[in-house]
Amino acid sequence: MSYAERLHPWVVVRLLPQMQRVIVARFRKRSDAEGHMQALKRLMPDAQFVIIFDIGEPITEEDS
């Protein structure tokens, strides 16, 4: 996980058939992610979206 991704831990994910998923967008604030998800639901009413908090992988000494 890159540094930029760590700065934006709230993720809007679109759920697809057969347990697949696509990351739609990343945000710093949950409220921003919720607003974006509401807009997506209005544009694509049949699609399923969820918001997750992606903490990524733990930082180890090797990563530093």
PDB file of N, CA and C in Angstrom:
ATOM      1  N   MET A   1       0.848  -1.167   0.000  1.00  0.00           N
ATOM      2  CA  MET A   1       0.000   0.000   0.000  1.00  0.00           C
ATOM      3  C   MET A   1       0.899   1.237   0.000  1.00  0.00           C
ATOM      4  N   SER A   2       0.644   2.127  -0.910  1.00  0.00           N
ATOM      5  CA  SER A   2       1.473   3.324  -1.040  1.00  0.00           C
ATOM      6  C   SER A   2       1.135   4.341   0.055  1.00  0.00           C
ATOM      7  N   TYR A   3       2.004   5.319   0.185  1.00  0.00           N
ATOM      8  CA  TYR A   3       1.795   6.377   1.179  1.00  0.00           C
ATOM      9  C   TYR A   3       0.504   7.142   0.896  1.00  0.00           C
ATOM     10  N   ALA A   4       0.252   7.427  -0.376  1.00  0.00           N
ATOM     11  CA  ALA A   4      -0.971   8.153  -0.743  1.00  0.00           C
ATOM     12  C   ALA A   4      -2.220   7.354  -0.360  1.00  0.00           C
ATOM     13  N   GLU A   5      -2.173   6.040  -0.527  1.00  0.00           N
ATOM     14  CA  GLU A   5      -3.320   5.203  -0.159  1.00  0.00           C
ATOM     15  C   GLU A   5      -3.508   5.180   1.354  1.00  0.00           C
ATOM     16  N   ARG A   6      -2.413   5.244   2.108  1.00  0.00           N
ATOM     17  CA  ARG A   6      -2.528   5.273   3.569  1.00  0.00           C
ATOM     18  C   ARG A   6      -3.179   6.561   4.048  1.00  0.00           C
ATOM     19  N   LEU A   7      -3.017   7.641   3.284  1.00  0.00           N
ATOM     20  CA  LEU A   7      -3.624   8.916   3.658  1.00  0.00           C
ATOM     21  C   LEU A   7      -5.125   8.942   3.389  1.00  0.00           C
ATOM     22  N   HIS A   8      -5.611   7.999   2.584  1.00  0.00           N
ATOM     23  CA  HIS A   8      -7.032   7.937   2.215  1.00  0.00           C
ATOM     24  C   HIS A   8      -7.575   6.545   2.564  1.00  0.00           C
ATOM     25  N   PRO A   9      -7.828   6.288   3.851  1.00  0.00           N
ATOM     26  CA  PRO A   9      -8.203   4.931   4.261  1.00  0.00           C
ATOM     27  C   PRO A   9      -9.654   4.539   3.985  1.00  0.00           C
ATOM     28  N   TRP A  10     -10.549   5.505   3.787  1.00  0.00           N
ATOM     29  CA  TRP A  10     -11.955   5.179   3.536  1.00  0.00           C
ATOM     30  C   TRP A  10     -12.138   4.875   2.057  1.00  0.00           C
ATOM     31  N   VAL A  11     -12.660   3.685   1.766  1.00  0.00           N
ATOM     32  CA  VAL A  11     -12.735   3.198   0.391  1.00  0.00           C
ATOM     33  C   VAL A  11     -14.183   2.874   0.022  1.00  0.00           C
ATOM     34  N   VAL A  12     -14.610   3.361  -1.137  1.00  0.00           N
ATOM     35  CA  VAL A  12     -15.906   2.979  -1.701  1.00  0.00           C
ATOM     36  C   VAL A  12     -15.639   1.831  -2.664  1.00  0.00           C
ATOM     37  N   VAL A  13     -16.303   0.711  -2.414  1.00  0.00           N
ATOM     38  CA  VAL A  13     -16.088  -0.501  -3.202  1.00  0.00           C
ATOM     39  C   VAL A  13     -17.391  -0.884  -3.889  1.00  0.00           C
ATOM     40  N   ARG A  14     -17.304  -1.204  -5.176  1.00  0.00           N
ATOM     41  CA  ARG A  14     -18.468  -1.719  -5.900  1.00  0.00           C
ATOM     42  C   ARG A  14     -18.396  -3.237  -5.879  1.00  0.00           C
ATOM     43  N   LEU A  15     -19.481  -3.866  -5.434  1.00  0.00           N
ATOM     44  CA  LEU A  15     -19.549  -5.323  -5.376  1.00  0.00           C
ATOM     45  C   LEU A  15     -20.046  -5.855  -6.712  1.00  0.00           C
ATOM     46  N   LEU A  16     -19.329  -6.839  -7.232  1.00  0.00           N
ATOM     47  CA  LEU A  16     -19.657  -7.448  -8.514  1.00  0.00           C
ATOM     48  C   LEU A  16     -20.046  -8.904  -8.301  1.00  0.00           C
ATOM     49  N   PRO A  17     -20.617  -9.544  -9.321  1.00  0.00           N
ATOM     50  CA  PRO A  17     -20.979 -10.959  -9.191  1.00  0.00           C
ATOM     51  C   PRO A  17     -19.749 -11.833  -8.942  1.00  0.00           C
ATOM     52  N   GLN A  18     -19.995 -12.995  -8.390  1.00  0.00           N
ATOM     53  CA  GLN A  18     -18.975 -14.015  -8.144  1.00  0.00           C
ATOM     54  C   GLN A  18     -17.874 -13.513  -7.210  1.00  0.00           C
ATOM     55  N   MET A  19     -18.284 -12.818  -6.162  1.00  0.00           N
ATOM     56  CA  MET A  19     -17.375 -12.353  -5.106  1.00  0.00           C
ATOM     57  C   MET A  19     -16.259 -11.435  -5.598  1.00  0.00           C
ATOM     58  N   GLN A  20     -16.473 -10.762  -6.703  1.00  0.00           N
ATOM     59  CA  GLN A  20     -15.478  -9.816  -7.196  1.00  0.00           C
ATOM     60  C   GLN A  20     -15.833  -8.424  -6.698  1.00  0.00           C
ATOM     61  N   ARG A  21     -14.843  -7.536  -6.709  1.00  0.00           N
ATOM     62  CA  ARG A  21     -15.069  -6.174  -6.247  1.00  0.00           C
ATOM     63  C   ARG A  21     -14.119  -5.223  -6.962  1.00  0.00           C
ATOM     64  N   VAL A  22     -14.514  -3.951  -6.997  1.00  0.00           N
ATOM     65  CA  VAL A  22     -13.709  -2.916  -7.638  1.00  0.00           C
ATOM     66  C   VAL A  22     -13.660  -1.714  -6.700  1.00  0.00           C
ATOM     67  N   ILE A  23     -12.457  -1.222  -6.437  1.00  0.00           N
ATOM     68  CA  ILE A  23     -12.324   0.004  -5.653  1.00  0.00           C
ATOM     69  C   ILE A  23     -12.688   1.170  -6.559  1.00  0.00           C
ATOM     70  N   VAL A  24     -13.695   1.921  -6.152  1.00  0.00           N
ATOM     71  CA  VAL A  24     -14.181   3.042  -6.952  1.00  0.00           C
ATOM     72  C   VAL A  24     -13.414   4.312  -6.606  1.00  0.00           C
ATOM     73  N   ALA A  25     -13.247   4.578  -5.302  1.00  0.00           N
ATOM     74  CA  ALA A  25     -12.571   5.807  -4.878  1.00  0.00           C
ATOM     75  C   ALA A  25     -12.084   5.659  -3.442  1.00  0.00           C
ATOM     76  N   ARG A  26     -11.105   6.500  -3.074  1.00  0.00           N
ATOM     77  CA  ARG A  26     -10.557   6.528  -1.717  1.00  0.00           C
ATOM     78  C   ARG A  26     -10.717   7.944  -1.157  1.00  0.00           C
ATOM     79  N   PHE A  27     -10.976   8.019   0.160  1.00  0.00           N
ATOM     80  CA  PHE A  27     -11.215   9.311   0.805  1.00  0.00           C
ATOM     81  C   PHE A  27     -10.530   9.369   2.158  1.00  0.00           C
ATOM     82  N   ARG A  28     -10.265  10.592   2.608  1.00  0.00           N
ATOM     83  CA  ARG A  28      -9.701  10.798   3.943  1.00  0.00           C
ATOM     84  C   ARG A  28     -10.783  10.733   5.010  1.00  0.00           C
ATOM     85  N   LYS A  29     -11.987  11.190   4.681  1.00  0.00           N
ATOM     86  CA  LYS A  29     -13.078  11.261   5.658  1.00  0.00           C
ATOM     87  C   LYS A  29     -14.208  10.318   5.262  1.00  0.00           C
ATOM     88  N   ARG A  30     -14.792   9.667   6.280  1.00  0.00           N
ATOM     89  CA  ARG A  30     -15.912   8.764   6.022  1.00  0.00           C
ATOM     90  C   ARG A  30     -17.095   9.521   5.423  1.00  0.00           C
ATOM     91  N   SER A  31     -17.344  10.728   5.889  1.00  0.00           N
ATOM     92  CA  SER A  31     -18.490  11.485   5.378  1.00  0.00           C
ATOM     93  C   SER A  31     -18.340  11.773   3.883  1.00  0.00           C
ATOM     94  N   ASP A  32     -17.114  12.005   3.424  1.00  0.00           N
ATOM     95  CA  ASP A  32     -16.885  12.202   1.989  1.00  0.00           C
ATOM     96  C   ASP A  32     -17.193  10.920   1.216  1.00  0.00           C
ATOM     97  N   ALA A  33     -16.775   9.782   1.774  1.00  0.00           N
ATOM     98  CA  ALA A  33     -17.043   8.498   1.128  1.00  0.00           C
ATOM     99  C   ALA A  33     -18.543   8.225   1.073  1.00  0.00           C
ATOM    100  N   GLU A  34     -19.258   8.549   2.150  1.00  0.00           N
ATOM    101  CA  GLU A  34     -20.706   8.333   2.172  1.00  0.00           C
ATOM    102  C   GLU A  34     -21.412   9.202   1.137  1.00  0.00           C
ATOM    103  N   GLY A  35     -20.999  10.452   1.013  1.00  0.00           N
ATOM    104  CA  GLY A  35     -21.598  11.339   0.016  1.00  0.00           C
ATOM    105  C   GLY A  35     -21.356  10.857  -1.398  1.00  0.00           C
ATOM    106  N   HIS A  36     -20.141  10.379  -1.655  1.00  0.00           N
ATOM    107  CA  HIS A  36     -19.818   9.869  -2.988  1.00  0.00           C
ATOM    108  C   HIS A  36     -20.630   8.609  -3.285  1.00  0.00           C
ATOM    109  N   MET A  37     -20.777   7.751  -2.271  1.00  0.00           N
ATOM    110  CA  MET A  37     -21.545   6.524  -2.461  1.00  0.00           C
ATOM    111  C   MET A  37     -23.018   6.839  -2.740  1.00  0.00           C
ATOM    112  N   GLN A  38     -23.579   7.837  -2.077  1.00  0.00           N
ATOM    113  CA  GLN A  38     -24.968   8.222  -2.334  1.00  0.00           C
ATOM    114  C   GLN A  38     -25.144   8.700  -3.771  1.00  0.00           C
ATOM    115  N   ALA A  39     -24.186   9.468  -4.261  1.00  0.00           N
ATOM    116  CA  ALA A  39     -24.256   9.936  -5.652  1.00  0.00           C
ATOM    117  C   ALA A  39     -24.163   8.757  -6.615  1.00  0.00           C
ATOM    118  N   LEU A  40     -23.278   7.807  -6.327  1.00  0.00           N
ATOM    119  CA  LEU A  40     -23.144   6.631  -7.189  1.00  0.00           C
ATOM    120  C   LEU A  40     -24.428   5.806  -7.202  1.00  0.00           C
ATOM    121  N   LYS A  41     -25.071   5.672  -6.049  1.00  0.00           N
ATOM    122  CA  LYS A  41     -26.322   4.908  -5.977  1.00  0.00           C
ATOM    123  C   LYS A  41     -27.428   5.572  -6.792  1.00  0.00           C
ATOM    124  N   ARG A  42     -27.419   6.914  -6.850  1.00  0.00           N
ATOM    125  CA  ARG A  42     -28.410   7.607  -7.677  1.00  0.00           C
ATOM    126  C   ARG A  42     -28.123   7.400  -9.160  1.00  0.00           C
ATOM    127  N   LEU A  43     -26.850   7.360  -9.522  1.00  0.00           N
ATOM    128  CA  LEU A  43     -26.476   7.170 -10.923  1.00  0.00           C
ATOM    129  C   LEU A  43     -26.618   5.723 -11.374  1.00  0.00           C
ATOM    130  N   MET A  44     -26.347   4.782 -10.463  1.00  0.00           N
ATOM    131  CA  MET A  44     -26.418   3.351 -10.782  1.00  0.00           C
ATOM    132  C   MET A  44     -27.246   2.648  -9.708  1.00  0.00           C
ATOM    133  N   PRO A  45     -28.570   2.743  -9.781  1.00  0.00           N
ATOM    134  CA  PRO A  45     -29.414   2.203  -8.708  1.00  0.00           C
ATOM    135  C   PRO A  45     -29.337   0.688  -8.539  1.00  0.00           C
ATOM    136  N   ASP A  46     -28.969  -0.040  -9.574  1.00  0.00           N
ATOM    137  CA  ASP A  46     -28.907  -1.500  -9.467  1.00  0.00           C
ATOM    138  C   ASP A  46     -27.573  -1.999  -8.921  1.00  0.00           C
ATOM    139  N   ALA A  47     -26.572  -1.149  -8.856  1.00  0.00           N
ATOM    140  CA  ALA A  47     -25.246  -1.556  -8.379  1.00  0.00           C
ATOM    141  C   ALA A  47     -25.215  -1.558  -6.852  1.00  0.00           C
ATOM    142  N   GLN A  48     -24.332  -2.394  -6.297  1.00  0.00           N
ATOM    143  CA  GLN A  48     -24.161  -2.466  -4.849  1.00  0.00           C
ATOM    144  C   GLN A  48     -22.807  -1.868  -4.480  1.00  0.00           C
ATOM    145  N   PHE A  49     -22.818  -1.005  -3.466  1.00  0.00           N
ATOM    146  CA  PHE A  49     -21.602  -0.365  -2.992  1.00  0.00           C
ATOM    147  C   PHE A  49     -21.492  -0.538  -1.486  1.00  0.00           C
ATOM    148  N   VAL A  50     -20.257  -0.589  -0.992  1.00  0.00           N
ATOM    149  CA  VAL A  50     -19.999  -0.609   0.446  1.00  0.00           C
ATOM    150  C   VAL A  50     -18.835   0.334   0.727  1.00  0.00           C
ATOM    151  N   ILE A  51     -18.769   0.781   1.970  1.00  0.00           N
ATOM    152  CA  ILE A  51     -17.647   1.601   2.421  1.00  0.00           C
ATOM    153  C   ILE A  51     -16.850   0.772   3.418  1.00  0.00           C
ATOM    154  N   ILE A  52     -15.539   0.737   3.228  1.00  0.00           N
ATOM    155  CA  ILE A  52     -14.675   0.013   4.158  1.00  0.00           C
ATOM    156  C   ILE A  52     -13.560   0.941   4.630  1.00  0.00           C
ATOM    157  N   PHE A  53     -12.988   0.617   5.774  1.00  0.00           N
ATOM    158  CA  PHE A  53     -11.816   1.318   6.287  1.00  0.00           C
ATOM    159  C   PHE A  53     -10.634   0.403   6.036  1.00  0.00           C
ATOM    160  N   ASP A  54      -9.790   0.774   5.097  1.00  0.00           N
ATOM    161  CA  ASP A  54      -8.668  -0.058   4.660  1.00  0.00           C
ATOM    162  C   ASP A  54      -7.401   0.390   5.374  1.00  0.00           C
ATOM    163  N   ILE A  55      -6.981  -0.378   6.380  1.00  0.00           N
ATOM    164  CA  ILE A  55      -5.766  -0.014   7.104  1.00  0.00           C
ATOM    165  C   ILE A  55      -4.516  -0.516   6.398  1.00  0.00           C
ATOM    166  N   GLY A  56      -4.700  -1.350   5.389  1.00  0.00           N
ATOM    167  CA  GLY A  56      -3.551  -1.846   4.639  1.00  0.00           C
ATOM    168  C   GLY A  56      -2.770  -2.875   5.429  1.00  0.00           C
ATOM    169  N   GLU A  57      -1.545  -3.058   5.029  1.00  0.00           N
ATOM    170  CA  GLU A  57      -0.672  -4.012   5.699  1.00  0.00           C
ATOM    171  C   GLU A  57       0.106  -3.299   6.794  1.00  0.00           C
ATOM    172  N   PRO A  58       0.426  -4.003   7.881  1.00  0.00           N
ATOM    173  CA  PRO A  58       1.210  -3.365   8.933  1.00  0.00           C
ATOM    174  C   PRO A  58       2.599  -2.977   8.423  1.00  0.00           C
ATOM    175  N   ILE A  59       3.098  -1.874   8.930  1.00  0.00           N
ATOM    176  CA  ILE A  59       4.429  -1.410   8.536  1.00  0.00           C
ATOM    177  C   ILE A  59       5.470  -2.211   9.309  1.00  0.00           C
ATOM    178  N   THR A  60       6.421  -2.771   8.586  1.00  0.00           N
ATOM    179  CA  THR A  60       7.500  -3.532   9.215  1.00  0.00           C
ATOM    180  C   THR A  60       8.808  -2.783   9.029  1.00  0.00           C
ATOM    181  N   GLU A  61       9.853  -3.262   9.682  1.00  0.00           N
ATOM    182  CA  GLU A  61      11.166  -2.625   9.551  1.00  0.00           C
ATOM    183  C   GLU A  61      11.680  -2.707   8.126  1.00  0.00           C
ATOM    184  N   GLU A  62      11.304  -3.760   7.404  1.00  0.00           N
ATOM    185  CA  GLU A  62      11.753  -3.925   6.023  1.00  0.00           C
ATOM    186  C   GLU A  62      11.161  -2.855   5.122  1.00  0.00           C
ATOM    187  N   ASP A  63       9.934  -2.386   5.435  1.00  0.00           N
ATOM    188  CA  ASP A  63       9.277  -1.364   4.628  1.00  0.00           C
ATOM    189  C   ASP A  63       9.887   0.015   4.840  1.00  0.00           C
ATOM    190  N   SER A  64      10.475   0.256   5.996  1.00  0.00           N
ATOM    191  CA  SER A  64      11.014   1.584   6.325  1.00  0.00           C
ATOM    192  C   SER A  64      12.287   1.881   5.583  1.00  0.00           C
TER     193      SER A  64
END
